[in-house]
N, C-alpha and C. Protein backbone atom coordinates (compact mmCIF):
# COMPACT_ATOMS: atom_id res chain seq x y z
N UNK A 1 0.84 -1.18 0.00
CA UNK A 1 0.00 0.00 0.00
C UNK A 1 0.89 1.25 0.00
N UNK A 2 0.53 2.21 -0.82
CA UNK A 2 1.26 3.47 -0.91
C UNK A 2 0.79 4.38 0.21
N UNK A 3 1.75 4.89 0.96
CA UNK A 3 1.40 5.74 2.09
C UNK A 3 1.24 7.19 1.66
N UNK A 4 0.14 7.77 2.01
CA UNK A 4 -0.16 9.18 1.85
C UNK A 4 0.20 9.76 0.48
N UNK A 5 -0.43 9.26 -0.58
CA UNK A 5 -0.13 9.81 -1.91
C UNK A 5 -0.49 11.29 -2.02
N UNK A 6 -1.49 11.72 -1.23
CA UNK A 6 -1.89 13.14 -1.30
C UNK A 6 -0.76 14.07 -0.84
N UNK A 7 0.03 13.61 0.13
CA UNK A 7 1.16 14.42 0.60
C UNK A 7 2.24 14.48 -0.47
N UNK A 8 2.47 13.35 -1.13
CA UNK A 8 3.47 13.31 -2.20
C UNK A 8 3.07 14.25 -3.34
N UNK A 9 1.79 14.26 -3.66
CA UNK A 9 1.29 15.15 -4.71
C UNK A 9 1.56 16.61 -4.32
N UNK A 10 1.23 16.95 -3.10
CA UNK A 10 1.44 18.32 -2.63
C UNK A 10 2.92 18.69 -2.67
N UNK A 11 3.79 17.80 -2.21
CA UNK A 11 5.22 18.09 -2.18
C UNK A 11 5.77 18.33 -3.59
N UNK A 12 5.37 17.48 -4.53
CA UNK A 12 5.85 17.63 -5.90
C UNK A 12 5.29 18.92 -6.51
N UNK A 13 4.02 19.20 -6.25
CA UNK A 13 3.41 20.44 -6.76
C UNK A 13 4.20 21.65 -6.24
N UNK A 14 4.52 21.64 -4.97
CA UNK A 14 5.26 22.76 -4.38
C UNK A 14 6.69 22.84 -4.93
N UNK A 15 7.33 21.69 -5.15
CA UNK A 15 8.68 21.70 -5.73
C UNK A 15 8.69 22.32 -7.12
N UNK A 16 7.62 22.14 -7.84
CA UNK A 16 7.51 22.69 -9.19
C UNK A 16 6.97 24.12 -9.19
N UNK A 17 6.71 24.65 -7.99
CA UNK A 17 6.17 26.00 -7.85
C UNK A 17 4.83 26.17 -8.56
N UNK A 18 4.03 25.12 -8.56
CA UNK A 18 2.68 25.19 -9.10
C UNK A 18 1.73 25.52 -7.95
N UNK A 19 0.76 26.35 -8.20
CA UNK A 19 -0.24 26.64 -7.19
C UNK A 19 -1.36 25.62 -7.29
N UNK A 20 -2.14 25.52 -6.22
CA UNK A 20 -3.32 24.65 -6.27
C UNK A 20 -4.26 25.13 -7.35
N UNK A 21 -4.37 26.44 -7.51
CA UNK A 21 -5.27 27.00 -8.52
C UNK A 21 -4.86 26.56 -9.92
N UNK A 22 -3.54 26.57 -10.19
CA UNK A 22 -3.04 26.17 -11.49
C UNK A 22 -3.38 24.70 -11.79
N UNK A 23 -3.07 23.83 -10.83
CA UNK A 23 -3.32 22.40 -11.04
C UNK A 23 -4.82 22.15 -11.16
N UNK A 24 -5.60 22.79 -10.31
CA UNK A 24 -7.06 22.62 -10.37
C UNK A 24 -7.59 23.04 -11.74
N UNK A 25 -7.11 24.16 -12.24
CA UNK A 25 -7.56 24.63 -13.55
C UNK A 25 -7.21 23.62 -14.65
N UNK A 26 -6.00 23.10 -14.62
CA UNK A 26 -5.58 22.11 -15.63
C UNK A 26 -6.42 20.84 -15.56
N UNK A 27 -6.89 20.52 -14.35
CA UNK A 27 -7.71 19.31 -14.16
C UNK A 27 -9.19 19.57 -14.40
N UNK A 28 -9.56 20.84 -14.54
CA UNK A 28 -10.96 21.18 -14.71
C UNK A 28 -11.74 21.08 -13.42
N UNK A 29 -11.08 21.35 -12.30
CA UNK A 29 -11.70 21.28 -10.98
C UNK A 29 -11.70 22.65 -10.33
N UNK A 30 -12.53 22.81 -9.32
CA UNK A 30 -12.42 24.01 -8.50
C UNK A 30 -11.19 23.85 -7.61
N UNK A 31 -10.70 24.98 -7.13
CA UNK A 31 -9.54 24.93 -6.24
C UNK A 31 -9.89 24.14 -4.98
N UNK A 32 -11.09 24.32 -4.48
CA UNK A 32 -11.53 23.61 -3.27
C UNK A 32 -11.56 22.09 -3.52
N UNK A 33 -12.06 21.67 -4.67
CA UNK A 33 -12.11 20.24 -4.98
C UNK A 33 -10.70 19.66 -5.05
N UNK A 34 -9.78 20.42 -5.67
CA UNK A 34 -8.41 19.93 -5.74
C UNK A 34 -7.77 19.91 -4.36
N UNK A 35 -8.04 20.93 -3.56
CA UNK A 35 -7.51 20.99 -2.20
C UNK A 35 -7.92 19.77 -1.39
N UNK A 36 -9.13 19.31 -1.61
CA UNK A 36 -9.61 18.12 -0.89
C UNK A 36 -8.81 16.88 -1.28
N UNK A 37 -8.30 16.83 -2.49
CA UNK A 37 -7.45 15.71 -2.90
C UNK A 37 -6.15 15.75 -2.11
N UNK A 38 -5.54 16.94 -2.03
CA UNK A 38 -4.26 17.07 -1.32
C UNK A 38 -4.37 16.85 0.18
N UNK A 39 -5.55 17.10 0.74
CA UNK A 39 -5.71 16.90 2.18
C UNK A 39 -6.22 15.51 2.51
N UNK A 40 -6.56 14.73 1.48
CA UNK A 40 -7.05 13.38 1.70
C UNK A 40 -8.54 13.30 1.98
N UNK A 41 -9.23 14.44 1.88
CA UNK A 41 -10.68 14.43 2.09
C UNK A 41 -11.39 13.72 0.95
N UNK A 42 -10.82 13.81 -0.23
CA UNK A 42 -11.37 13.12 -1.40
C UNK A 42 -10.43 11.97 -1.74
N UNK A 43 -11.00 10.79 -1.90
CA UNK A 43 -10.18 9.62 -2.21
C UNK A 43 -9.61 9.74 -3.61
N UNK A 44 -8.35 9.44 -3.75
CA UNK A 44 -7.64 9.53 -5.01
C UNK A 44 -7.89 8.28 -5.84
N UNK A 45 -8.37 8.46 -7.06
CA UNK A 45 -8.58 7.32 -7.95
C UNK A 45 -7.38 7.18 -8.88
N UNK A 46 -7.27 6.05 -9.51
CA UNK A 46 -6.18 5.81 -10.47
C UNK A 46 -6.27 6.81 -11.61
N UNK A 47 -7.48 7.04 -12.11
CA UNK A 47 -7.64 7.99 -13.21
C UNK A 47 -7.21 9.39 -12.80
N UNK A 48 -7.61 9.81 -11.61
CA UNK A 48 -7.24 11.15 -11.14
C UNK A 48 -5.73 11.23 -10.90
N UNK A 49 -5.13 10.16 -10.39
CA UNK A 49 -3.68 10.11 -10.20
C UNK A 49 -2.97 10.31 -11.53
N UNK A 50 -3.44 9.64 -12.57
CA UNK A 50 -2.85 9.77 -13.90
C UNK A 50 -2.98 11.20 -14.41
N UNK A 51 -4.13 11.82 -14.19
CA UNK A 51 -4.34 13.20 -14.63
C UNK A 51 -3.42 14.16 -13.89
N UNK A 52 -3.32 13.99 -12.58
CA UNK A 52 -2.46 14.85 -11.77
C UNK A 52 -1.00 14.66 -12.17
N UNK A 53 -0.60 13.42 -12.39
CA UNK A 53 0.78 13.14 -12.80
C UNK A 53 1.12 13.85 -14.10
N UNK A 54 0.17 13.85 -15.01
CA UNK A 54 0.39 14.52 -16.30
C UNK A 54 0.60 16.02 -16.10
N UNK A 55 -0.22 16.64 -15.26
CA UNK A 55 -0.09 18.07 -14.99
C UNK A 55 1.24 18.36 -14.30
N UNK A 56 1.65 17.50 -13.38
CA UNK A 56 2.90 17.69 -12.64
C UNK A 56 4.13 17.24 -13.43
N UNK A 57 3.89 16.70 -14.63
CA UNK A 57 4.97 16.26 -15.52
C UNK A 57 5.86 15.21 -14.87
N UNK A 58 5.22 14.21 -14.29
CA UNK A 58 5.94 13.12 -13.63
C UNK A 58 5.15 11.84 -13.84
N UNK A 59 5.84 10.74 -13.97
CA UNK A 59 5.17 9.45 -14.13
C UNK A 59 4.44 9.09 -12.83
N UNK A 60 3.27 8.47 -12.93
CA UNK A 60 2.52 8.11 -11.71
C UNK A 60 3.33 7.28 -10.72
N UNK A 61 4.12 6.34 -11.19
CA UNK A 61 4.90 5.51 -10.27
C UNK A 61 6.00 6.32 -9.59
N UNK A 62 6.57 7.28 -10.30
CA UNK A 62 7.57 8.16 -9.69
C UNK A 62 6.91 9.03 -8.62
N UNK A 63 5.72 9.49 -8.92
CA UNK A 63 4.98 10.29 -7.95
C UNK A 63 4.71 9.49 -6.69
N UNK A 64 4.21 8.28 -6.87
CA UNK A 64 3.88 7.44 -5.71
C UNK A 64 5.12 7.03 -4.93
N UNK A 65 6.26 6.94 -5.61
CA UNK A 65 7.50 6.55 -4.95
C UNK A 65 8.31 7.72 -4.44
N UNK A 66 7.79 8.93 -4.61
CA UNK A 66 8.51 10.13 -4.20
C UNK A 66 8.81 10.10 -2.71
N UNK A 67 10.05 10.39 -2.38
CA UNK A 67 10.47 10.42 -0.97
C UNK A 67 11.18 11.74 -0.73
N UNK A 68 10.53 12.64 -0.01
CA UNK A 68 11.12 13.95 0.23
C UNK A 68 12.43 13.86 1.01
N UNK A 69 12.64 12.79 1.74
CA UNK A 69 13.88 12.63 2.49
C UNK A 69 15.08 12.47 1.56
N UNK A 70 14.85 11.94 0.36
CA UNK A 70 15.93 11.81 -0.61
C UNK A 70 16.27 13.16 -1.22
N UNK A 71 15.32 14.07 -1.23
CA UNK A 71 15.56 15.40 -1.78
C UNK A 71 16.13 16.33 -0.73
N UNK A 72 15.56 16.29 0.47
CA UNK A 72 15.91 17.26 1.50
C UNK A 72 16.63 16.63 2.68
N UNK A 73 17.44 15.63 2.46
CA UNK A 73 18.17 14.98 3.54
C UNK A 73 19.35 15.86 3.94
N UNK A 74 19.33 16.33 5.16
CA UNK A 74 20.41 17.19 5.65
C UNK A 74 21.13 16.50 6.80
N UNK A 75 21.36 15.22 6.65
CA UNK A 75 22.03 14.42 7.65
C UNK A 75 23.53 14.49 7.40
N UNK A 76 24.26 15.13 8.28
CA UNK A 76 25.69 15.35 8.05
C UNK A 76 26.53 14.09 8.12
N UNK A 77 25.97 12.97 8.49
CA UNK A 77 26.75 11.74 8.56
C UNK A 77 26.92 11.09 7.20
N UNK A 78 26.36 11.67 6.15
CA UNK A 78 26.45 11.06 4.82
C UNK A 78 27.81 11.25 4.19
N UNK A 79 28.58 12.23 4.67
CA UNK A 79 29.90 12.45 4.11
C UNK A 79 29.92 13.30 2.86
N UNK A 80 28.79 13.81 2.45
CA UNK A 80 28.76 14.66 1.26
C UNK A 80 28.10 15.99 1.59
N UNK A 81 28.60 16.62 2.63
CA UNK A 81 28.09 17.91 3.10
C UNK A 81 26.63 17.85 3.53
N UNK A 82 26.15 16.67 3.78
CA UNK A 82 24.80 16.53 4.30
C UNK A 82 23.71 16.43 3.26
N UNK A 83 24.06 16.42 1.99
CA UNK A 83 23.02 16.38 0.96
C UNK A 83 23.16 15.12 0.13
N UNK A 84 22.05 14.51 -0.15
CA UNK A 84 22.02 13.35 -1.03
C UNK A 84 21.78 13.82 -2.45
N UNK A 85 21.98 12.93 -3.40
CA UNK A 85 21.72 13.26 -4.79
C UNK A 85 20.24 13.56 -4.99
N UNK A 86 19.97 14.46 -5.89
CA UNK A 86 18.60 14.84 -6.21
C UNK A 86 18.24 14.23 -7.55
N UNK A 87 17.06 13.66 -7.63
CA UNK A 87 16.59 13.07 -8.87
C UNK A 87 15.99 14.17 -9.75
N UNK A 88 16.43 14.24 -11.00
CA UNK A 88 15.83 15.15 -11.97
C UNK A 88 15.22 14.33 -13.09
N UNK A 89 14.01 14.65 -13.50
CA UNK A 89 13.39 13.92 -14.60
C UNK A 89 14.22 14.04 -15.88
N UNK A 90 14.22 13.00 -16.67
CA UNK A 90 15.01 12.94 -17.91
C UNK A 90 14.67 14.12 -18.82
N UNK A 91 13.41 14.49 -18.88
CA UNK A 91 12.98 15.60 -19.75
C UNK A 91 13.65 16.90 -19.32
N UNK A 92 13.75 17.15 -18.04
CA UNK A 92 14.39 18.36 -17.53
C UNK A 92 15.88 18.36 -17.86
N UNK A 93 16.53 17.23 -17.70
CA UNK A 93 17.95 17.11 -18.02
C UNK A 93 18.17 17.40 -19.50
N UNK A 94 17.31 16.84 -20.34
CA UNK A 94 17.42 17.06 -21.78
C UNK A 94 17.24 18.54 -22.13
N UNK A 95 16.29 19.21 -21.48
CA UNK A 95 16.08 20.63 -21.74
C UNK A 95 17.32 21.45 -21.36
N UNK A 96 17.93 21.12 -20.22
CA UNK A 96 19.14 21.82 -19.81
C UNK A 96 20.28 21.59 -20.80
N UNK A 97 20.43 20.35 -21.25
CA UNK A 97 21.50 20.03 -22.19
C UNK A 97 21.31 20.77 -23.50
N UNK A 98 20.06 20.86 -23.97
CA UNK A 98 19.77 21.58 -25.21
C UNK A 98 20.06 23.07 -25.04
N UNK A 99 19.71 23.61 -23.89
CA UNK A 99 19.98 25.03 -23.61
C UNK A 99 21.48 25.29 -23.58
N UNK A 100 22.22 24.42 -22.94
CA UNK A 100 23.68 24.57 -22.87
C UNK A 100 24.28 24.52 -24.27
N UNK A 101 23.84 23.58 -25.09
CA UNK A 101 24.35 23.47 -26.45
C UNK A 101 24.04 24.73 -27.25
N UNK A 102 22.84 25.24 -27.12
CA UNK A 102 22.45 26.47 -27.82
C UNK A 102 23.32 27.64 -27.38
N UNK A 103 23.57 27.75 -26.08
CA UNK A 103 24.41 28.84 -25.58
C UNK A 103 25.85 28.72 -26.08
N UNK A 104 26.36 27.49 -26.17
CA UNK A 104 27.70 27.29 -26.70
C UNK A 104 27.78 27.76 -28.16
N UNK A 105 26.74 27.43 -28.93
CA UNK A 105 26.71 27.85 -30.33
C UNK A 105 26.64 29.37 -30.45
N UNK A 106 25.87 30.01 -29.58
CA UNK A 106 25.77 31.47 -29.59
C UNK A 106 27.11 32.11 -29.24
N UNK A 107 27.80 31.54 -28.28
CA UNK A 107 29.12 32.06 -27.89
C UNK A 107 30.08 31.96 -29.06
N UNK A 108 30.05 30.82 -29.72
CA UNK A 108 30.95 30.61 -30.86
C UNK A 108 30.66 31.62 -31.97
N UNK A 109 29.39 31.87 -32.24
CA UNK A 109 29.00 32.84 -33.26
C UNK A 109 29.45 34.25 -32.86
N UNK A 110 29.26 34.60 -31.60
CA UNK A 110 29.69 35.92 -31.14
C UNK A 110 31.21 36.11 -31.24
N UNK A 111 31.94 35.05 -30.98
CA UNK A 111 33.40 35.12 -31.10
C UNK A 111 33.79 35.34 -32.54
N UNK A 112 33.10 34.67 -33.47
CA UNK A 112 33.39 34.87 -34.89
C UNK A 112 33.09 36.30 -35.32
N UNK A 113 31.97 36.82 -34.84
CA UNK A 113 31.59 38.20 -35.18
C UNK A 113 32.57 39.21 -34.58
N UNK A 114 33.06 38.92 -33.42
CA UNK A 114 34.01 39.79 -32.75
C UNK A 114 35.34 39.84 -33.50
N UNK A 115 35.75 38.72 -34.05
CA UNK A 115 37.01 38.63 -34.78
C UNK A 115 36.98 39.41 -36.09
N UNK A 116 35.81 39.64 -36.64
CA UNK A 116 35.71 40.33 -37.93
C UNK A 116 35.77 41.77 -37.79
């Protein structure tokens, strides 16, 4: 059994800086109806989980397996300044890599223009 999926949903929503209003609008719900999902007042269905996962841009199984302790572990006994590795979705990594490549190309072009 997955423990407290509503809390995991809220944590991921907050990490992405999405408001309840934004997610509710994307789901076609009132803010109050969505709030009830995050507080556990409304039972989460598989279909609703899939819809929420899509809005939060995360796979449903990743959402259900989300562990905030892996993100915000500040235990100094780990030997790495107290922080564990942070998981980034593949899509986000790809976007960063594409941005970096684009910036490298722009720098190269500017250097060529500067030389002329």
